[in-house]
Amino acid sequence: MEFTDEQLERYSRHLILREVGGAGQMALLNARVLVIGAGGLGAPLLMYLAAAGVGTIGIIDDDLVELSNLQRQIIHAYPDVGTRKTVSAAKTITALNQDVTLELYQTRLTSDNAENLIGSFDIIADGCDNFETRHLVNDTCVKLGKTLVSAALGPFEGQISTFKPHAGAKYPCYRCFLPETPDENQQRTCADAGILGAVAGIIGSMQALEVLKEILDIGETLAGKIMLFDALTMKSRLIGLPREPKCITCGQIRQKA
């Protein structure tokens, strides 16, 4: 496959990077990435994946755009209020880059559909806002051998990590980090705790960066580590995530690695 004249111009800043070049850009164009959630994290994540030329992007979200979303979910606009987030996101992405093929899933991820939805993609980027779905995504990715880039937000903070226990015995999965779902009184969403909008943009952009690095196989990703970011102090720190030999999800896989 050769680049068109338009692609040569569009991706010129990638093509001149030694770490990307033509082979890397072709890897991006051939990649399949599933984004779970088109909200605070998913909005910048989707836009940067599309801008980079990720060839096929799946979007799972069953919500409608609300006026309160526009404070941080930059992929949506005022005329989109009341429409499905998948449709609104697709409109923005198509206007940005028609190289991208979109697969829209206007549904909620459940134990009944998780394997079918996740199974056809190379990398999964989870931007959901609840622990039950995070555990379901993790368990499915471990079972299917998929790399998972997971992020979460707080009012002024965020965290991000990459999980790929199938890649080697040293890598944990999400359940190694958080084995069980916290009690309801320990769970907060943007709706009840609030969030400074730009925090979502920072962490969602970092999540896109992690996905691109995994596709391109460049640099040092966050596999085996978690990055914590505090927007009020503009400080971040990396914490190592040790494997859990008795993890109910990936312990057996790691013993084989």
C-alpha atoms as a PDB file:
ATOM      1  CA  MET A   1       0.000   0.000   0.000  1.00  0.00           C
ATOM      2  CA  GLU A   2       1.295   3.451  -0.915  1.00  0.00           C
ATOM      3  CA  PHE A   3       0.410   6.819   0.564  1.00  0.00           C
ATOM      4  CA  THR A   4      -1.712   9.198  -1.464  1.00  0.00           C
ATOM      5  CA  ASP A   5      -0.483  12.735  -2.075  1.00  0.00           C
ATOM      6  CA  GLU A   6      -2.999  13.956   0.499  1.00  0.00           C
ATOM      7  CA  GLN A   7      -1.757  11.466   3.091  1.00  0.00           C
ATOM      8  CA  LEU A   8       1.850  12.468   2.471  1.00  0.00           C
ATOM      9  CA  GLU A   9       0.912  16.040   3.318  1.00  0.00           C
ATOM     10  CA  ARG A  10      -1.508  15.212   6.141  1.00  0.00           C
ATOM     11  CA  TYR A  11       0.950  12.971   8.007  1.00  0.00           C
ATOM     12  CA  SER A  12       4.136  14.808   7.013  1.00  0.00           C
ATOM     13  CA  ARG A  13       5.035  15.630  10.628  1.00  0.00           C
ATOM     14  CA  HIS A  14       4.849  11.933  11.456  1.00  0.00           C
ATOM     15  CA  LEU A  15       6.716  10.819   8.365  1.00  0.00           C
ATOM     16  CA  ILE A  16       9.776  12.923   9.165  1.00  0.00           C
ATOM     17  CA  LEU A  17      10.042  11.439  12.652  1.00  0.00           C
ATOM     18  CA  ARG A  18      12.653   8.705  12.689  1.00  0.00           C
ATOM     19  CA  GLU A  19      10.615   6.818  15.307  1.00  0.00           C
ATOM     20  CA  VAL A  20       7.500   6.834  13.101  1.00  0.00           C
ATOM     21  CA  GLY A  21       8.300   7.278   9.409  1.00  0.00           C
ATOM     22  CA  GLY A  22       6.420   5.546   6.637  1.00  0.00           C
ATOM     23  CA  ALA A  23       6.320   2.148   8.320  1.00  0.00           C
ATOM     24  CA  GLY A  24       4.957   3.602  11.538  1.00  0.00           C
ATOM     25  CA  GLN A  25       2.299   5.652   9.780  1.00  0.00           C
ATOM     26  CA  MET A  26       1.227   2.577   7.862  1.00  0.00           C
ATOM     27  CA  ALA A  27       0.963   0.695  11.174  1.00  0.00           C
ATOM     28  CA  LEU A  28      -1.324   3.438  12.454  1.00  0.00           C
ATOM     29  CA  LEU A  29      -3.487   3.309   9.335  1.00  0.00           C
ATOM     30  CA  ASN A  30      -3.809  -0.467   9.706  1.00  0.00           C
ATOM     31  CA  ALA A  31      -4.528  -0.399  13.452  1.00  0.00           C
ATOM     32  CA  ARG A  32      -7.869  -1.127  15.078  1.00  0.00           C
ATOM     33  CA  VAL A  33      -8.540   0.644  18.384  1.00  0.00           C
ATOM     34  CA  LEU A  34     -11.697   0.364  20.478  1.00  0.00           C
ATOM     35  CA  VAL A  35     -12.557   3.360  22.662  1.00  0.00           C
ATOM     36  CA  ILE A  36     -14.968   2.688  25.508  1.00  0.00           C
ATOM     37  CA  GLY A  37     -16.814   5.895  26.300  1.00  0.00           C
ATOM     38  CA  ALA A  38     -17.102   9.102  24.258  1.00  0.00           C
ATOM     39  CA  GLY A  39     -17.095  11.346  27.326  1.00  0.00           C
ATOM     40  CA  GLY A  40     -14.464  13.351  29.177  1.00  0.00           C
ATOM     41  CA  LEU A  41     -11.605  10.963  28.426  1.00  0.00           C
ATOM     42  CA  GLY A  42     -12.944   9.606  25.156  1.00  0.00           C
ATOM     43  CA  ALA A  43     -13.409  13.032  23.570  1.00  0.00           C
ATOM     44  CA  PRO A  44      -9.723  14.109  23.358  1.00  0.00           C
ATOM     45  CA  LEU A  45      -8.620  10.494  23.024  1.00  0.00           C
ATOM     46  CA  LEU A  46     -10.767   9.972  19.933  1.00  0.00           C
ATOM     47  CA  MET A  47      -9.728  13.233  18.335  1.00  0.00           C
ATOM     48  CA  TYR A  48      -6.006  12.558  18.682  1.00  0.00           C
ATOM     49  CA  LEU A  49      -6.311   8.961  17.494  1.00  0.00           C
ATOM     50  CA  ALA A  50      -8.245  10.155  14.458  1.00  0.00           C
ATOM     51  CA  ALA A  51      -5.826  12.996  13.767  1.00  0.00           C
ATOM     52  CA  ALA A  52      -2.915  10.539  13.940  1.00  0.00           C
ATOM     53  CA  GLY A  53      -4.530   8.368  11.279  1.00  0.00           C
ATOM     54  CA  VAL A  54      -5.544   5.309  13.284  1.00  0.00           C
ATOM     55  CA  GLY A  55      -7.332   3.446  10.528  1.00  0.00           C
ATOM     56  CA  THR A  56     -10.260   1.887  12.345  1.00  0.00           C
ATOM     57  CA  ILE A  57     -11.733   3.275  15.564  1.00  0.00           C
ATOM     58  CA  GLY A  58     -14.597   1.646  17.408  1.00  0.00           C
ATOM     59  CA  ILE A  59     -16.685   3.725  19.813  1.00  0.00           C
ATOM     60  CA  ILE A  60     -18.900   2.225  22.518  1.00  0.00           C
ATOM     61  CA  ASP A  61     -21.299   4.580  24.316  1.00  0.00           C
ATOM     62  CA  ASP A  62     -25.025   4.440  24.972  1.00  0.00           C
ATOM     63  CA  ASP A  63     -25.475   7.999  26.284  1.00  0.00           C
ATOM     64  CA  LEU A  64     -26.893  11.145  24.744  1.00  0.00           C
ATOM     65  CA  VAL A  65     -25.028  14.461  24.643  1.00  0.00           C
ATOM     66  CA  GLU A  66     -26.097  16.739  27.494  1.00  0.00           C
ATOM     67  CA  LEU A  67     -25.429  20.447  27.905  1.00  0.00           C
ATOM     68  CA  SER A  68     -23.307  19.785  31.001  1.00  0.00           C
ATOM     69  CA  ASN A  69     -21.008  17.552  28.911  1.00  0.00           C
ATOM     70  CA  LEU A  70     -19.774  20.467  26.801  1.00  0.00           C
ATOM     71  CA  GLN A  71     -17.649  21.847  29.652  1.00  0.00           C
ATOM     72  CA  ARG A  72     -15.084  19.091  29.010  1.00  0.00           C
ATOM     73  CA  GLN A  73     -16.206  16.696  26.241  1.00  0.00           C
ATOM     74  CA  ILE A  74     -14.711  18.677  23.379  1.00  0.00           C
ATOM     75  CA  ILE A  75     -15.694  16.272  20.616  1.00  0.00           C
ATOM     76  CA  HIS A  76     -19.334  17.393  21.032  1.00  0.00           C
ATOM     77  CA  ALA A  77     -20.879  20.802  20.303  1.00  0.00           C
ATOM     78  CA  TYR A  78     -24.039  22.691  21.244  1.00  0.00           C
ATOM     79  CA  PRO A  79     -26.058  21.486  18.206  1.00  0.00           C
ATOM     80  CA  ASP A  80     -25.324  17.891  19.282  1.00  0.00           C
ATOM     81  CA  VAL A  81     -27.205  18.148  22.585  1.00  0.00           C
ATOM     82  CA  GLY A  82     -29.811  15.392  22.673  1.00  0.00           C
ATOM     83  CA  THR A  83     -28.107  13.236  20.019  1.00  0.00           C
ATOM     84  CA  ARG A  84     -26.205  10.016  20.635  1.00  0.00           C
ATOM     85  CA  LYS A  85     -22.595  10.538  21.672  1.00  0.00           C
ATOM     86  CA  THR A  86     -21.417   7.964  19.156  1.00  0.00           C
ATOM     87  CA  VAL A  87     -23.107   9.871  16.327  1.00  0.00           C
ATOM     88  CA  SER A  88     -21.837  13.233  17.538  1.00  0.00           C
ATOM     89  CA  ALA A  89     -18.287  11.907  17.908  1.00  0.00           C
ATOM     90  CA  ALA A  90     -18.432  10.314  14.463  1.00  0.00           C
ATOM     91  CA  LYS A  91     -19.462  13.612  12.892  1.00  0.00           C
ATOM     92  CA  THR A  92     -16.473  15.411  14.404  1.00  0.00           C
ATOM     93  CA  ILE A  93     -14.034  12.656  13.485  1.00  0.00           C
ATOM     94  CA  THR A  94     -15.244  12.459   9.901  1.00  0.00           C
ATOM     95  CA  ALA A  95     -14.811  16.213   9.532  1.00  0.00           C
ATOM     96  CA  LEU A  96     -11.275  15.872  10.886  1.00  0.00           C
ATOM     97  CA  ASN A  97     -10.000  12.858   8.951  1.00  0.00           C
ATOM     98  CA  GLN A  98     -11.835  10.813   6.362  1.00  0.00           C
ATOM     99  CA  ASP A  99      -9.069   8.196   6.386  1.00  0.00           C
ATOM    100  CA  VAL A 100     -10.651   6.817   9.552  1.00  0.00           C
ATOM    101  CA  THR A 101     -13.199   4.010   9.408  1.00  0.00           C
ATOM    102  CA  LEU A 102     -15.624   4.191  12.315  1.00  0.00           C
ATOM    103  CA  GLU A 103     -17.497   1.339  13.962  1.00  0.00           C
ATOM    104  CA  LEU A 104     -20.210   2.669  16.263  1.00  0.00           C
ATOM    105  CA  TYR A 105     -21.757   0.655  19.079  1.00  0.00           C
ATOM    106  CA  GLN A 106     -24.684   2.448  20.652  1.00  0.00           C
ATOM    107  CA  THR A 107     -24.887   0.091  23.586  1.00  0.00           C
ATOM    108  CA  ARG A 108     -23.541  -0.540  27.053  1.00  0.00           C
ATOM    109  CA  LEU A 109     -20.713  -3.023  27.452  1.00  0.00           C
ATOM    110  CA  THR A 110     -21.977  -6.124  29.278  1.00  0.00           C
ATOM    111  CA  SER A 111     -20.768  -9.627  30.049  1.00  0.00           C
ATOM    112  CA  ASP A 112     -22.947 -10.819  27.158  1.00  0.00           C
ATOM    113  CA  ASN A 113     -21.372  -8.656  24.441  1.00  0.00           C
ATOM    114  CA  ALA A 114     -17.879  -7.829  25.777  1.00  0.00           C
ATOM    115  CA  GLU A 115     -15.977 -10.596  24.005  1.00  0.00           C
ATOM    116  CA  ASN A 116     -17.630  -9.968  20.645  1.00  0.00           C
ATOM    117  CA  LEU A 117     -17.047  -6.217  20.830  1.00  0.00           C
ATOM    118  CA  ILE A 118     -13.478  -6.328  22.150  1.00  0.00           C
ATOM    119  CA  GLY A 119     -12.319  -9.368  20.195  1.00  0.00           C
ATOM    120  CA  SER A 120     -11.909  -7.729  16.778  1.00  0.00           C
ATOM    121  CA  PHE A 121      -9.701  -4.844  17.950  1.00  0.00           C
ATOM    122  CA  ASP A 122      -5.954  -4.634  18.557  1.00  0.00           C
ATOM    123  CA  ILE A 123      -5.879  -2.211  21.484  1.00  0.00           C
ATOM    124  CA  ILE A 124      -8.606  -1.221  23.927  1.00  0.00           C
ATOM    125  CA  ALA A 125      -8.735   2.276  25.443  1.00  0.00           C
ATOM    126  CA  ASP A 126     -11.068   2.418  28.430  1.00  0.00           C
ATOM    127  CA  GLY A 127     -12.511   5.787  29.359  1.00  0.00           C
ATOM    128  CA  CYS A 128     -15.588   4.604  31.245  1.00  0.00           C
ATOM    129  CA  ASP A 129     -16.636   6.092  34.589  1.00  0.00           C
ATOM    130  CA  ASN A 130     -17.426   3.054  36.738  1.00  0.00           C
ATOM    131  CA  PHE A 131     -15.458   0.225  38.312  1.00  0.00           C
ATOM    132  CA  GLU A 132     -17.773  -2.578  37.236  1.00  0.00           C
ATOM    133  CA  THR A 133     -17.127  -1.810  33.572  1.00  0.00           C
ATOM    134  CA  ARG A 134     -13.388  -1.363  34.173  1.00  0.00           C
ATOM    135  CA  HIS A 135     -13.198  -4.835  35.687  1.00  0.00           C
ATOM    136  CA  LEU A 136     -15.264  -6.321  32.864  1.00  0.00           C
ATOM    137  CA  VAL A 137     -13.021  -4.688  30.256  1.00  0.00           C
ATOM    138  CA  ASN A 138      -9.891  -5.874  32.030  1.00  0.00           C
ATOM    139  CA  ASP A 139     -11.078  -9.442  32.456  1.00  0.00           C
ATOM    140  CA  THR A 140     -12.115  -9.640  28.803  1.00  0.00           C
ATOM    141  CA  CYS A 141      -8.828  -8.144  27.579  1.00  0.00           C
ATOM    142  CA  VAL A 142      -6.839 -10.642  29.654  1.00  0.00           C
ATOM    143  CA  LYS A 143      -8.893 -13.536  28.325  1.00  0.00           C
ATOM    144  CA  LEU A 144      -8.462 -12.413  24.708  1.00  0.00           C
ATOM    145  CA  GLY A 145      -4.845 -11.267  25.011  1.00  0.00           C
ATOM    146  CA  LYS A 146      -5.589  -7.610  24.233  1.00  0.00           C
ATOM    147  CA  THR A 147      -3.569  -4.607  25.392  1.00  0.00           C
ATOM    148  CA  LEU A 148      -5.615  -2.258  27.592  1.00  0.00           C
ATOM    149  CA  VAL A 149      -4.879   1.433  28.133  1.00  0.00           C
ATOM    150  CA  SER A 150      -7.000   2.522  31.090  1.00  0.00           C
ATOM    151  CA  ALA A 151      -7.507   5.983  32.588  1.00  0.00           C
ATOM    152  CA  ALA A 152      -9.664   7.587  35.261  1.00  0.00           C
ATOM    153  CA  LEU A 153     -10.463  11.121  36.399  1.00  0.00           C
ATOM    154  CA  GLY A 154     -11.114  12.999  39.619  1.00  0.00           C
ATOM    155  CA  PRO A 155     -12.063  16.645  40.201  1.00  0.00           C
ATOM    156  CA  PHE A 156      -8.452  17.873  39.856  1.00  0.00           C
ATOM    157  CA  GLU A 157      -6.527  14.672  39.216  1.00  0.00           C
ATOM    158  CA  GLY A 158      -6.182  11.739  36.877  1.00  0.00           C
ATOM    159  CA  GLN A 159      -4.446   8.413  36.515  1.00  0.00           C
ATOM    160  CA  ILE A 160      -3.422   6.275  33.580  1.00  0.00           C
ATOM    161  CA  SER A 161      -1.802   2.887  33.041  1.00  0.00           C
ATOM    162  CA  THR A 162      -1.309   0.231  30.380  1.00  0.00           C
ATOM    163  CA  PHE A 163      -2.104  -3.396  31.121  1.00  0.00           C
ATOM    164  CA  LYS A 164      -0.824  -6.283  28.996  1.00  0.00           C
ATOM    165  CA  PRO A 165      -0.135  -9.408  31.071  1.00  0.00           C
ATOM    166  CA  HIS A 166      -0.092 -11.476  27.877  1.00  0.00           C
ATOM    167  CA  ALA A 167       3.183  -9.734  26.931  1.00  0.00           C
ATOM    168  CA  GLY A 168       5.223 -11.150  29.805  1.00  0.00           C
ATOM    169  CA  ALA A 169       5.339 -12.339  33.394  1.00  0.00           C
ATOM    170  CA  LYS A 170       6.343  -8.918  34.750  1.00  0.00           C
ATOM    171  CA  TYR A 171       3.194  -7.150  33.595  1.00  0.00           C
ATOM    172  CA  PRO A 172       0.122  -6.919  35.861  1.00  0.00           C
ATOM    173  CA  CYS A 173      -3.525  -6.540  34.898  1.00  0.00           C
ATOM    174  CA  TYR A 174      -6.025  -4.043  36.307  1.00  0.00           C
ATOM    175  CA  ARG A 175      -7.213  -6.527  38.936  1.00  0.00           C
ATOM    176  CA  CYS A 176      -3.661  -6.779  40.279  1.00  0.00           C
ATOM    177  CA  PHE A 177      -4.010  -3.054  40.998  1.00  0.00           C
ATOM    178  CA  LEU A 178      -7.640  -3.090  42.167  1.00  0.00           C
ATOM    179  CA  PRO A 179      -8.908  -6.622  42.820  1.00  0.00           C
ATOM    180  CA  GLU A 180     -12.466  -5.734  43.846  1.00  0.00           C
ATOM    181  CA  THR A 181     -15.000  -3.018  43.116  1.00  0.00           C
ATOM    182  CA  PRO A 182     -14.980  -0.352  45.874  1.00  0.00           C
ATOM    183  CA  ASP A 183     -18.066   0.254  47.989  1.00  0.00           C
ATOM    184  CA  GLU A 184     -20.636   2.608  46.474  1.00  0.00           C
ATOM    185  CA  ASN A 185     -19.792   5.364  48.977  1.00  0.00           C
ATOM    186  CA  GLN A 186     -16.188   5.288  47.712  1.00  0.00           C
ATOM    187  CA  GLN A 187     -17.168   5.737  44.072  1.00  0.00           C
ATOM    188  CA  ARG A 188     -17.465   9.221  42.581  1.00  0.00           C
ATOM    189  CA  THR A 189     -18.432  10.434  39.139  1.00  0.00           C
ATOM    190  CA  CYS A 190     -18.096  13.835  37.511  1.00  0.00           C
ATOM    191  CA  ALA A 191     -21.813  14.342  38.101  1.00  0.00           C
ATOM    192  CA  ASP A 192     -21.535  14.153  41.875  1.00  0.00           C
ATOM    193  CA  ALA A 193     -17.928  15.255  42.519  1.00  0.00           C
ATOM    194  CA  GLY A 194     -17.375  17.767  39.702  1.00  0.00           C
ATOM    195  CA  ILE A 195     -14.305  18.132  37.500  1.00  0.00           C
ATOM    196  CA  LEU A 196     -12.186  20.932  36.095  1.00  0.00           C
ATOM    197  CA  GLY A 197     -12.724  20.417  32.380  1.00  0.00           C
ATOM    198  CA  ALA A 198      -9.134  20.725  31.176  1.00  0.00           C
ATOM    199  CA  VAL A 199      -8.077  17.824  33.429  1.00  0.00           C
ATOM    200  CA  ALA A 200     -10.018  15.477  31.154  1.00  0.00           C
ATOM    201  CA  GLY A 201      -8.199  16.934  28.153  1.00  0.00           C
ATOM    202  CA  ILE A 202      -4.780  16.335  29.704  1.00  0.00           C
ATOM    203  CA  ILE A 203      -5.409  12.734  30.748  1.00  0.00           C
ATOM    204  CA  GLY A 204      -7.328  11.844  27.581  1.00  0.00           C
ATOM    205  CA  SER A 205      -4.446  13.176  25.482  1.00  0.00           C
ATOM    206  CA  MET A 206      -1.988  11.114  27.514  1.00  0.00           C
ATOM    207  CA  GLN A 207      -4.173   8.081  26.951  1.00  0.00           C
ATOM    208  CA  ALA A 208      -4.039   8.678  23.199  1.00  0.00           C
ATOM    209  CA  LEU A 209      -0.258   8.988  23.435  1.00  0.00           C
ATOM    210  CA  GLU A 210      -0.034   5.627  25.201  1.00  0.00           C
ATOM    211  CA  VAL A 211      -2.152   3.974  22.503  1.00  0.00           C
ATOM    212  CA  LEU A 212      -0.007   5.441  19.732  1.00  0.00           C
ATOM    213  CA  LYS A 213       3.204   4.319  21.454  1.00  0.00           C
ATOM    214  CA  GLU A 214       1.841   0.786  21.752  1.00  0.00           C
ATOM    215  CA  ILE A 215       0.923   0.695  18.050  1.00  0.00           C
ATOM    216  CA  LEU A 216       4.282   2.139  17.002  1.00  0.00           C
ATOM    217  CA  ASP A 217       6.281   0.151  19.580  1.00  0.00           C
ATOM    218  CA  ILE A 218       8.295   3.208  20.571  1.00  0.00           C
ATOM    219  CA  GLY A 219       9.473   4.663  23.858  1.00  0.00           C
ATOM    220  CA  GLU A 220       8.614   3.365  27.287  1.00  0.00           C
ATOM    221  CA  THR A 221       4.923   2.849  27.930  1.00  0.00           C
ATOM    222  CA  LEU A 222       3.124   2.724  31.261  1.00  0.00           C
ATOM    223  CA  ALA A 223       2.900  -1.066  31.283  1.00  0.00           C
ATOM    224  CA  GLY A 224       3.787  -2.186  34.813  1.00  0.00           C
ATOM    225  CA  LYS A 225       3.379   1.353  36.164  1.00  0.00           C
ATOM    226  CA  ILE A 226       0.664   3.861  36.931  1.00  0.00           C
ATOM    227  CA  MET A 227       0.977   7.587  36.450  1.00  0.00           C
ATOM    228  CA  LEU A 228      -0.823   9.894  38.896  1.00  0.00           C
ATOM    229  CA  PHE A 229      -1.344  13.530  37.901  1.00  0.00           C
ATOM    230  CA  ASP A 230      -2.362  16.410  40.184  1.00  0.00           C
ATOM    231  CA  ALA A 231      -3.595  19.425  38.250  1.00  0.00           C
ATOM    232  CA  LEU A 232      -3.545  21.779  41.260  1.00  0.00           C
ATOM    233  CA  THR A 233       0.203  21.349  41.760  1.00  0.00           C
ATOM    234  CA  MET A 234       1.069  20.309  38.186  1.00  0.00           C
ATOM    235  CA  LYS A 235       2.967  17.367  39.624  1.00  0.00           C
ATOM    236  CA  SER A 236       2.939  13.793  38.417  1.00  0.00           C
ATOM    237  CA  ARG A 237       4.494  10.635  39.747  1.00  0.00           C
ATOM    238  CA  LEU A 238       5.040   7.114  38.521  1.00  0.00           C
ATOM    239  CA  ILE A 239       4.355   4.175  40.810  1.00  0.00           C
ATOM    240  CA  GLY A 240       5.354   0.633  39.963  1.00  0.00           C
ATOM    241  CA  LEU A 241       2.513  -1.872  39.808  1.00  0.00           C
ATOM    242  CA  PRO A 242       3.729  -5.276  40.947  1.00  0.00           C
ATOM    243  CA  ARG A 243       2.201  -8.429  39.625  1.00  0.00           C
ATOM    244  CA  GLU A 244      -0.118 -10.357  41.915  1.00  0.00           C
ATOM    245  CA  PRO A 245       0.694 -14.080  41.610  1.00  0.00           C
ATOM    246  CA  LYS A 246      -2.717 -15.002  43.006  1.00  0.00           C
ATOM    247  CA  CYS A 247      -4.687 -12.609  40.801  1.00  0.00           C
ATOM    248  CA  ILE A 248      -7.952 -14.301  39.877  1.00  0.00           C
ATOM    249  CA  THR A 249      -7.806 -12.887  36.342  1.00  0.00           C
ATOM    250  CA  CYS A 250      -4.222 -13.041  35.099  1.00  0.00           C
ATOM    251  CA  GLY A 251      -2.300 -15.114  37.655  1.00  0.00           C
ATOM    252  CA  GLN A 252      -2.526 -18.275  35.596  1.00  0.00           C
ATOM    253  CA  ILE A 253      -1.455 -16.492  32.410  1.00  0.00           C
ATOM    254  CA  ARG A 254       1.620 -15.054  34.091  1.00  0.00           C
ATOM    255  CA  GLN A 255       2.687 -18.450  35.381  1.00  0.00           C
ATOM    256  CA  LYS A 256       2.832 -19.611  31.781  1.00  0.00           C
ATOM    257  CA  ALA A 257       4.740 -16.551  30.569  1.00  0.00           C
END
